[in-house]
Amino acid sequence: MELGHVVELMRSAVATILTVASPVLFVAMGVGLIISIIQATTSIQDQTLTFVPKIVAILGVLAALFGWMMTRLTTFTTILIERIPDLAR
């Protein structure tokens, strides 16, 4: 296995991970920012106030995008398994 193949494989894996995880992370960051602004303006400093909306938003994004996420991961895994004989040389 050549170094170029390993680098290309790792680049593809990182790109797939970032593509699949980014919607969930952006929603969690956005909800956290909005809740933080609300907490700062109202002076409510309850920790559970940030936790519950983030969990609900993350579960909503996962429910909405689960099919797309699984398609991306399945495609990457299939390509990886098909390349095993080439990588073993």
PDB file of N, CA and C in Angstrom:
ATOM      1  N   MET A   1       0.850  -1.164   0.000  1.00  0.00           N
ATOM      2  CA  MET A   1       0.000   0.000   0.000  1.00  0.00           C
ATOM      3  C   MET A   1       0.902   1.235   0.000  1.00  0.00           C
ATOM      4  N   GLU A   2       0.628   2.125  -0.901  1.00  0.00           N
ATOM      5  CA  GLU A   2       1.445   3.324  -1.041  1.00  0.00           C
ATOM      6  C   GLU A   2       0.922   4.435  -0.139  1.00  0.00           C
ATOM      7  N   LEU A   3       1.787   5.381   0.125  1.00  0.00           N
ATOM      8  CA  LEU A   3       1.439   6.499   0.983  1.00  0.00           C
ATOM      9  C   LEU A   3       0.313   7.338   0.375  1.00  0.00           C
ATOM     10  N   GLY A   4       0.322   7.470  -0.931  1.00  0.00           N
ATOM     11  CA  GLY A   4      -0.718   8.246  -1.609  1.00  0.00           C
ATOM     12  C   GLY A   4      -2.109   7.659  -1.411  1.00  0.00           C
ATOM     13  N   HIS A   5      -2.197   6.329  -1.422  1.00  0.00           N
ATOM     14  CA  HIS A   5      -3.491   5.682  -1.193  1.00  0.00           C
ATOM     15  C   HIS A   5      -3.983   5.928   0.228  1.00  0.00           C
ATOM     16  N   VAL A   6      -3.074   5.862   1.181  1.00  0.00           N
ATOM     17  CA  VAL A   6      -3.451   6.076   2.581  1.00  0.00           C
ATOM     18  C   VAL A   6      -3.920   7.511   2.797  1.00  0.00           C
ATOM     19  N   VAL A   7      -3.190   8.453   2.207  1.00  0.00           N
ATOM     20  CA  VAL A   7      -3.564   9.861   2.354  1.00  0.00           C
ATOM     21  C   VAL A   7      -4.917  10.122   1.716  1.00  0.00           C
ATOM     22  N   GLU A   8      -5.150   9.562   0.546  1.00  0.00           N
ATOM     23  CA  GLU A   8      -6.431   9.758  -0.128  1.00  0.00           C
ATOM     24  C   GLU A   8      -7.568   9.110   0.658  1.00  0.00           C
ATOM     25  N   LEU A   9      -7.320   7.937   1.223  1.00  0.00           N
ATOM     26  CA  LEU A   9      -8.330   7.251   2.021  1.00  0.00           C
ATOM     27  C   LEU A   9      -8.669   8.043   3.276  1.00  0.00           C
ATOM     28  N   MET A  10      -7.663   8.566   3.953  1.00  0.00           N
ATOM     29  CA  MET A  10      -7.905   9.349   5.167  1.00  0.00           C
ATOM     30  C   MET A  10      -8.593  10.672   4.837  1.00  0.00           C
ATOM     31  N   ARG A  11      -8.229  11.294   3.724  1.00  0.00           N
ATOM     32  CA  ARG A  11      -8.893  12.534   3.314  1.00  0.00           C
ATOM     33  C   ARG A  11     -10.366  12.301   3.044  1.00  0.00           C
ATOM     34  N   SER A  12     -10.661  11.197   2.377  1.00  0.00           N
ATOM     35  CA  SER A  12     -12.045  10.849   2.081  1.00  0.00           C
ATOM     36  C   SER A  12     -12.830  10.539   3.354  1.00  0.00           C
ATOM     37  N   ALA A  13     -12.189   9.863   4.303  1.00  0.00           N
ATOM     38  CA  ALA A  13     -12.858   9.535   5.562  1.00  0.00           C
ATOM     39  C   ALA A  13     -13.162  10.800   6.365  1.00  0.00           C
ATOM     40  N   VAL A  14     -12.200  11.704   6.447  1.00  0.00           N
ATOM     41  CA  VAL A  14     -12.415  12.954   7.196  1.00  0.00           C
ATOM     42  C   VAL A  14     -13.487  13.802   6.518  1.00  0.00           C
ATOM     43  N   ALA A  15     -13.475  13.865   5.194  1.00  0.00           N
ATOM     44  CA  ALA A  15     -14.493  14.634   4.476  1.00  0.00           C
ATOM     45  C   ALA A  15     -15.884  14.057   4.715  1.00  0.00           C
ATOM     46  N   THR A  16     -15.995  12.737   4.724  1.00  0.00           N
ATOM     47  CA  THR A  16     -17.289  12.101   4.976  1.00  0.00           C
ATOM     48  C   THR A  16     -17.761  12.380   6.398  1.00  0.00           C
ATOM     49  N   ILE A  17     -16.862  12.278   7.364  1.00  0.00           N
ATOM     50  CA  ILE A  17     -17.228  12.534   8.760  1.00  0.00           C
ATOM     51  C   ILE A  17     -17.692  13.979   8.933  1.00  0.00           C
ATOM     52  N   LEU A  18     -16.957  14.924   8.364  1.00  0.00           N
ATOM     53  CA  LEU A  18     -17.346  16.327   8.494  1.00  0.00           C
ATOM     54  C   LEU A  18     -18.667  16.616   7.793  1.00  0.00           C
ATOM     55  N   THR A  19     -18.883  15.997   6.653  1.00  0.00           N
ATOM     56  CA  THR A  19     -20.132  16.209   5.924  1.00  0.00           C
ATOM     57  C   THR A  19     -21.330  15.672   6.698  1.00  0.00           C
ATOM     58  N   VAL A  20     -21.177  14.520   7.315  1.00  0.00           N
ATOM     59  CA  VAL A  20     -22.286  13.896   8.038  1.00  0.00           C
ATOM     60  C   VAL A  20     -22.544  14.585   9.379  1.00  0.00           C
ATOM     61  N   ALA A  21     -21.489  15.001  10.065  1.00  0.00           N
ATOM     62  CA  ALA A  21     -21.647  15.566  11.407  1.00  0.00           C
ATOM     63  C   ALA A  21     -21.962  17.055  11.408  1.00  0.00           C
ATOM     64  N   SER A  22     -21.636  17.772  10.350  1.00  0.00           N
ATOM     65  CA  SER A  22     -21.771  19.228  10.374  1.00  0.00           C
ATOM     66  C   SER A  22     -23.200  19.744  10.568  1.00  0.00           C
ATOM     67  N   PRO A  23     -24.239  19.156   9.975  1.00  0.00           N
ATOM     68  CA  PRO A  23     -25.579  19.695  10.230  1.00  0.00           C
ATOM     69  C   PRO A  23     -25.972  19.641  11.710  1.00  0.00           C
ATOM     70  N   VAL A  24     -25.647  18.537  12.365  1.00  0.00           N
ATOM     71  CA  VAL A  24     -25.984  18.393  13.776  1.00  0.00           C
ATOM     72  C   VAL A  24     -25.198  19.399  14.611  1.00  0.00           C
ATOM     73  N   LEU A  25     -23.918  19.558  14.317  1.00  0.00           N
ATOM     74  CA  LEU A  25     -23.090  20.485  15.078  1.00  0.00           C
ATOM     75  C   LEU A  25     -23.525  21.932  14.875  1.00  0.00           C
ATOM     76  N   PHE A  26     -23.870  22.301  13.653  1.00  0.00           N
ATOM     77  CA  PHE A  26     -24.296  23.674  13.398  1.00  0.00           C
ATOM     78  C   PHE A  26     -25.621  23.990  14.088  1.00  0.00           C
ATOM     79  N   VAL A  27     -26.545  23.035  14.083  1.00  0.00           N
ATOM     80  CA  VAL A  27     -27.820  23.259  14.769  1.00  0.00           C
ATOM     81  C   VAL A  27     -27.605  23.386  16.274  1.00  0.00           C
ATOM     82  N   ALA A  28     -26.778  22.513  16.844  1.00  0.00           N
ATOM     83  CA  ALA A  28     -26.500  22.593  18.283  1.00  0.00           C
ATOM     84  C   ALA A  28     -25.827  23.919  18.632  1.00  0.00           C
ATOM     85  N   MET A  29     -24.905  24.377  17.789  1.00  0.00           N
ATOM     86  CA  MET A  29     -24.235  25.642  18.036  1.00  0.00           C
ATOM     87  C   MET A  29     -25.209  26.816  17.918  1.00  0.00           C
ATOM     88  N   GLY A  30     -26.069  26.776  16.924  1.00  0.00           N
ATOM     89  CA  GLY A  30     -27.053  27.848  16.743  1.00  0.00           C
ATOM     90  C   GLY A  30     -28.047  27.924  17.887  1.00  0.00           C
ATOM     91  N   VAL A  31     -28.568  26.779  18.293  1.00  0.00           N
ATOM     92  CA  VAL A  31     -29.510  26.755  19.419  1.00  0.00           C
ATOM     93  C   VAL A  31     -28.822  27.213  20.699  1.00  0.00           C
ATOM     94  N   GLY A  32     -27.600  26.779  20.921  1.00  0.00           N
ATOM     95  CA  GLY A  32     -26.854  27.211  22.105  1.00  0.00           C
ATOM     96  C   GLY A  32     -26.620  28.707  22.109  1.00  0.00           C
ATOM     97  N   LEU A  33     -26.314  29.286  20.944  1.00  0.00           N
ATOM     98  CA  LEU A  33     -26.103  30.721  20.850  1.00  0.00           C
ATOM     99  C   LEU A  33     -27.387  31.489  21.134  1.00  0.00           C
ATOM    100  N   ILE A  34     -28.476  31.034  20.574  1.00  0.00           N
ATOM    101  CA  ILE A  34     -29.765  31.708  20.796  1.00  0.00           C
ATOM    102  C   ILE A  34     -30.156  31.640  22.273  1.00  0.00           C
ATOM    103  N   ILE A  35     -30.020  30.472  22.884  1.00  0.00           N
ATOM    104  CA  ILE A  35     -30.358  30.328  24.296  1.00  0.00           C
ATOM    105  C   ILE A  35     -29.432  31.180  25.160  1.00  0.00           C
ATOM    106  N   SER A  36     -28.157  31.267  24.807  1.00  0.00           N
ATOM    107  CA  SER A  36     -27.214  32.097  25.562  1.00  0.00           C
ATOM    108  C   SER A  36     -27.594  33.572  25.485  1.00  0.00           C
ATOM    109  N   ILE A  37     -28.021  34.028  24.324  1.00  0.00           N
ATOM    110  CA  ILE A  37     -28.458  35.415  24.178  1.00  0.00           C
ATOM    111  C   ILE A  37     -29.704  35.665  25.020  1.00  0.00           C
ATOM    112  N   ILE A  38     -30.631  34.722  24.992  1.00  0.00           N
ATOM    113  CA  ILE A  38     -31.841  34.868  25.812  1.00  0.00           C
ATOM    114  C   ILE A  38     -31.489  34.889  27.295  1.00  0.00           C
ATOM    115  N   GLN A  39     -30.577  34.014  27.717  1.00  0.00           N
ATOM    116  CA  GLN A  39     -30.168  33.993  29.113  1.00  0.00           C
ATOM    117  C   GLN A  39     -29.476  35.294  29.519  1.00  0.00           C
ATOM    118  N   ALA A  40     -28.669  35.847  28.634  1.00  0.00           N
ATOM    119  CA  ALA A  40     -27.962  37.085  28.960  1.00  0.00           C
ATOM    120  C   ALA A  40     -28.923  38.265  29.084  1.00  0.00           C
ATOM    121  N   THR A  41     -29.942  38.290  28.244  1.00  0.00           N
ATOM    122  CA  THR A  41     -30.875  39.416  28.305  1.00  0.00           C
ATOM    123  C   THR A  41     -31.859  39.294  29.462  1.00  0.00           C
ATOM    124  N   THR A  42     -32.200  38.085  29.854  1.00  0.00           N
ATOM    125  CA  THR A  42     -33.174  37.915  30.936  1.00  0.00           C
ATOM    126  C   THR A  42     -32.526  37.616  32.275  1.00  0.00           C
ATOM    127  N   SER A  43     -31.221  37.439  32.323  1.00  0.00           N
ATOM    128  CA  SER A  43     -30.471  37.120  33.548  1.00  0.00           C
ATOM    129  C   SER A  43     -30.923  35.818  34.196  1.00  0.00           C
ATOM    130  N   ILE A  44     -31.408  34.883  33.387  1.00  0.00           N
ATOM    131  CA  ILE A  44     -31.756  33.547  33.875  1.00  0.00           C
ATOM    132  C   ILE A  44     -30.546  32.659  33.630  1.00  0.00           C
ATOM    133  N   GLN A  45     -29.983  32.100  34.672  1.00  0.00           N
ATOM    134  CA  GLN A  45     -28.764  31.308  34.529  1.00  0.00           C
ATOM    135  C   GLN A  45     -28.994  29.839  34.893  1.00  0.00           C
ATOM    136  N   ASP A  46     -30.072  29.273  34.441  1.00  0.00           N
ATOM    137  CA  ASP A  46     -30.374  27.871  34.710  1.00  0.00           C
ATOM    138  C   ASP A  46     -29.687  27.007  33.649  1.00  0.00           C
ATOM    139  N   GLN A  47     -28.907  26.012  34.075  1.00  0.00           N
ATOM    140  CA  GLN A  47     -28.158  25.173  33.137  1.00  0.00           C
ATOM    141  C   GLN A  47     -29.064  24.257  32.323  1.00  0.00           C
ATOM    142  N   THR A  48     -30.179  23.829  32.882  1.00  0.00           N
ATOM    143  CA  THR A  48     -31.063  22.937  32.129  1.00  0.00           C
ATOM    144  C   THR A  48     -31.763  23.672  30.997  1.00  0.00           C
ATOM    145  N   LEU A  49     -31.797  24.982  31.063  1.00  0.00           N
ATOM    146  CA  LEU A  49     -32.426  25.758  30.001  1.00  0.00           C
ATOM    147  C   LEU A  49     -31.682  25.598  28.679  1.00  0.00           C
ATOM    148  N   THR A  50     -30.376  25.398  28.709  1.00  0.00           N
ATOM    149  CA  THR A  50     -29.627  25.196  27.470  1.00  0.00           C
ATOM    150  C   THR A  50     -29.633  23.735  27.034  1.00  0.00           C
ATOM    151  N   PHE A  51     -29.716  22.830  27.983  1.00  0.00           N
ATOM    152  CA  PHE A  51     -29.598  21.409  27.671  1.00  0.00           C
ATOM    153  C   PHE A  51     -30.815  20.873  26.923  1.00  0.00           C
ATOM    154  N   VAL A  52     -31.993  21.149  27.395  1.00  0.00           N
ATOM    155  CA  VAL A  52     -33.208  20.566  26.825  1.00  0.00           C
ATOM    156  C   VAL A  52     -33.459  21.035  25.388  1.00  0.00           C
ATOM    157  N   PRO A  53     -33.390  22.338  25.073  1.00  0.00           N
ATOM    158  CA  PRO A  53     -33.605  22.728  23.665  1.00  0.00           C
ATOM    159  C   PRO A  53     -32.551  22.169  22.710  1.00  0.00           C
ATOM    160  N   LYS A  54     -31.309  22.063  23.170  1.00  0.00           N
ATOM    161  CA  LYS A  54     -30.276  21.481  22.307  1.00  0.00           C
ATOM    162  C   LYS A  54     -30.585  20.029  21.990  1.00  0.00           C
ATOM    163  N   ILE A  55     -30.971  19.263  22.998  1.00  0.00           N
ATOM    164  CA  ILE A  55     -31.298  17.847  22.775  1.00  0.00           C
ATOM    165  C   ILE A  55     -32.477  17.710  21.814  1.00  0.00           C
ATOM    166  N   VAL A  56     -33.503  18.531  22.001  1.00  0.00           N
ATOM    167  CA  VAL A  56     -34.670  18.467  21.118  1.00  0.00           C
ATOM    168  C   VAL A  56     -34.280  18.833  19.689  1.00  0.00           C
ATOM    169  N   ALA A  57     -33.467  19.879  19.525  1.00  0.00           N
ATOM    170  CA  ALA A  57     -33.043  20.288  18.181  1.00  0.00           C
ATOM    171  C   ALA A  57     -32.169  19.228  17.527  1.00  0.00           C
ATOM    172  N   ILE A  58     -31.248  18.645  18.290  1.00  0.00           N
ATOM    173  CA  ILE A  58     -30.375  17.600  17.740  1.00  0.00           C
ATOM    174  C   ILE A  58     -31.186  16.377  17.332  1.00  0.00           C
ATOM    175  N   LEU A  59     -32.126  15.966  18.155  1.00  0.00           N
ATOM    176  CA  LEU A  59     -32.969  14.826  17.798  1.00  0.00           C
ATOM    177  C   LEU A  59     -33.807  15.124  16.557  1.00  0.00           C
ATOM    178  N   GLY A  60     -34.276  16.360  16.431  1.00  0.00           N
ATOM    179  CA  GLY A  60     -35.033  16.747  15.237  1.00  0.00           C
ATOM    180  C   GLY A  60     -34.193  16.685  13.971  1.00  0.00           C
ATOM    181  N   VAL A  61     -32.969  17.177  14.055  1.00  0.00           N
ATOM    182  CA  VAL A  61     -32.069  17.135  12.891  1.00  0.00           C
ATOM    183  C   VAL A  61     -31.719  15.693  12.552  1.00  0.00           C
ATOM    184  N   LEU A  62     -31.447  14.891  13.566  1.00  0.00           N
ATOM    185  CA  LEU A  62     -31.143  13.477  13.307  1.00  0.00           C
ATOM    186  C   LEU A  62     -32.324  12.759  12.668  1.00  0.00           C
ATOM    187  N   ALA A  63     -33.528  13.057  13.134  1.00  0.00           N
ATOM    188  CA  ALA A  63     -34.717  12.422  12.551  1.00  0.00           C
ATOM    189  C   ALA A  63     -34.925  12.869  11.108  1.00  0.00           C
ATOM    190  N   ALA A  64     -34.666  14.146  10.836  1.00  0.00           N
ATOM    191  CA  ALA A  64     -34.892  14.668   9.485  1.00  0.00           C
ATOM    192  C   ALA A  64     -33.823  14.205   8.497  1.00  0.00           C
ATOM    193  N   LEU A  65     -32.581  14.072   8.946  1.00  0.00           N
ATOM    194  CA  LEU A  65     -31.478  13.784   8.035  1.00  0.00           C
ATOM    195  C   LEU A  65     -30.912  12.376   8.167  1.00  0.00           C
ATOM    196  N   PHE A  66     -31.581  11.512   8.915  1.00  0.00           N
ATOM    197  CA  PHE A  66     -31.038  10.175   9.151  1.00  0.00           C
ATOM    198  C   PHE A  66     -30.848   9.388   7.854  1.00  0.00           C
ATOM    199  N   GLY A  67     -31.801   9.459   6.955  1.00  0.00           N
ATOM    200  CA  GLY A  67     -31.693   8.730   5.678  1.00  0.00           C
ATOM    201  C   GLY A  67     -30.505   9.195   4.855  1.00  0.00           C
ATOM    202  N   TRP A  68     -30.326  10.507   4.774  1.00  0.00           N
ATOM    203  CA  TRP A  68     -29.195  11.063   4.036  1.00  0.00           C
ATOM    204  C   TRP A  68     -27.869  10.673   4.675  1.00  0.00           C
ATOM    205  N   MET A  69     -27.809  10.749   5.998  1.00  0.00           N
ATOM    206  CA  MET A  69     -26.578  10.384   6.706  1.00  0.00           C
ATOM    207  C   MET A  69     -26.229   8.917   6.475  1.00  0.00           C
ATOM    208  N   MET A  70     -27.199   8.049   6.566  1.00  0.00           N
ATOM    209  CA  MET A  70     -26.937   6.626   6.379  1.00  0.00           C
ATOM    210  C   MET A  70     -26.556   6.327   4.938  1.00  0.00           C
ATOM    211  N   THR A  71     -27.131   7.030   3.980  1.00  0.00           N
ATOM    212  CA  THR A  71     -26.753   6.844   2.582  1.00  0.00           C
ATOM    213  C   THR A  71     -25.303   7.223   2.358  1.00  0.00           C
ATOM    214  N   ARG A  72     -24.882   8.372   2.923  1.00  0.00           N
ATOM    215  CA  ARG A  72     -23.478   8.801   2.781  1.00  0.00           C
ATOM    216  C   ARG A  72     -22.524   7.807   3.421  1.00  0.00           C
ATOM    217  N   LEU A  73     -22.849   7.357   4.637  1.00  0.00           N
ATOM    218  CA  LEU A  73     -21.971   6.414   5.336  1.00  0.00           C
ATOM    219  C   LEU A  73     -21.944   5.052   4.653  1.00  0.00           C
ATOM    220  N   THR A  74     -23.088   4.601   4.152  1.00  0.00           N
ATOM    221  CA  THR A  74     -23.147   3.319   3.451  1.00  0.00           C
ATOM    222  C   THR A  74     -22.351   3.375   2.148  1.00  0.00           C
ATOM    223  N   THR A  75     -22.462   4.477   1.427  1.00  0.00           N
ATOM    224  CA  THR A  75     -21.705   4.641   0.189  1.00  0.00           C
ATOM    225  C   THR A  75     -20.205   4.624   0.464  1.00  0.00           C
ATOM    226  N   PHE A  76     -19.777   5.354   1.500  1.00  0.00           N
ATOM    227  CA  PHE A  76     -18.357   5.377   1.840  1.00  0.00           C
ATOM    228  C   PHE A  76     -17.875   3.991   2.247  1.00  0.00           C
ATOM    229  N   THR A  77     -18.663   3.288   3.056  1.00  0.00           N
ATOM    230  CA  THR A  77     -18.271   1.951   3.501  1.00  0.00           C
ATOM    231  C   THR A  77     -18.203   0.976   2.332  1.00  0.00           C
ATOM    232  N   THR A  78     -19.147   1.062   1.420  1.00  0.00           N
ATOM    233  CA  THR A  78     -19.139   0.193   0.242  1.00  0.00           C
ATOM    234  C   THR A  78     -17.901   0.436  -0.613  1.00  0.00           C
ATOM    235  N   ILE A  79     -17.578   1.706  -0.839  1.00  0.00           N
ATOM    236  CA  ILE A  79     -16.383   2.031  -1.614  1.00  0.00           C
ATOM    237  C   ILE A  79     -15.135   1.522  -0.905  1.00  0.00           C
ATOM    238  N   LEU A  80     -15.088   1.679   0.400  1.00  0.00           N
ATOM    239  CA  LEU A  80     -13.939   1.217   1.180  1.00  0.00           C
ATOM    240  C   LEU A  80     -13.789  -0.302   1.094  1.00  0.00           C
ATOM    241  N   ILE A  81     -14.874  -1.027   1.219  1.00  0.00           N
ATOM    242  CA  ILE A  81     -14.819  -2.493   1.149  1.00  0.00           C
ATOM    243  C   ILE A  81     -14.420  -2.949  -0.251  1.00  0.00           C
ATOM    244  N   GLU A  82     -14.919  -2.262  -1.282  1.00  0.00           N
ATOM    245  CA  GLU A  82     -14.543  -2.620  -2.650  1.00  0.00           C
ATOM    246  C   GLU A  82     -13.068  -2.363  -2.925  1.00  0.00           C
ATOM    247  N   ARG A  83     -12.451  -1.429  -2.201  1.00  0.00           N
ATOM    248  CA  ARG A  83     -11.041  -1.094  -2.423  1.00  0.00           C
ATOM    249  C   ARG A  83     -10.089  -1.948  -1.591  1.00  0.00           C
ATOM    250  N   ILE A  84     -10.577  -2.828  -0.753  1.00  0.00           N
ATOM    251  CA  ILE A  84      -9.702  -3.647   0.086  1.00  0.00           C
ATOM    252  C   ILE A  84      -8.689  -4.448  -0.738  1.00  0.00           C
ATOM    253  N   PRO A  85      -9.088  -5.120  -1.828  1.00  0.00           N
ATOM    254  CA  PRO A  85      -8.074  -5.855  -2.595  1.00  0.00           C
ATOM    255  C   PRO A  85      -6.975  -4.939  -3.157  1.00  0.00           C
ATOM    256  N   ASP A  86      -7.332  -3.731  -3.576  1.00  0.00           N
ATOM    257  CA  ASP A  86      -6.328  -2.803  -4.084  1.00  0.00           C
ATOM    258  C   ASP A  86      -5.401  -2.321  -2.976  1.00  0.00           C
ATOM    259  N   LEU A  87      -5.942  -2.153  -1.783  1.00  0.00           N
ATOM    260  CA  LEU A  87      -5.146  -1.658  -0.670  1.00  0.00           C
ATOM    261  C   LEU A  87      -4.227  -2.726  -0.103  1.00  0.00           C
ATOM    262  N   ALA A  88      -4.562  -4.005  -0.312  1.00  0.00           N
ATOM    263  CA  ALA A  88      -3.749  -5.093   0.236  1.00  0.00           C
ATOM    264  C   ALA A  88      -2.484  -5.332  -0.579  1.00  0.00           C
ATOM    265  N   ARG A  89      -2.401  -4.810  -1.760  1.00  0.00           N
ATOM    266  CA  ARG A  89      -1.225  -5.032  -2.622  1.00  0.00           C
ATOM    267  C   ARG A  89      -0.053  -4.236  -2.169  1.00  0.00           C
TER     268      ARG A  89
END
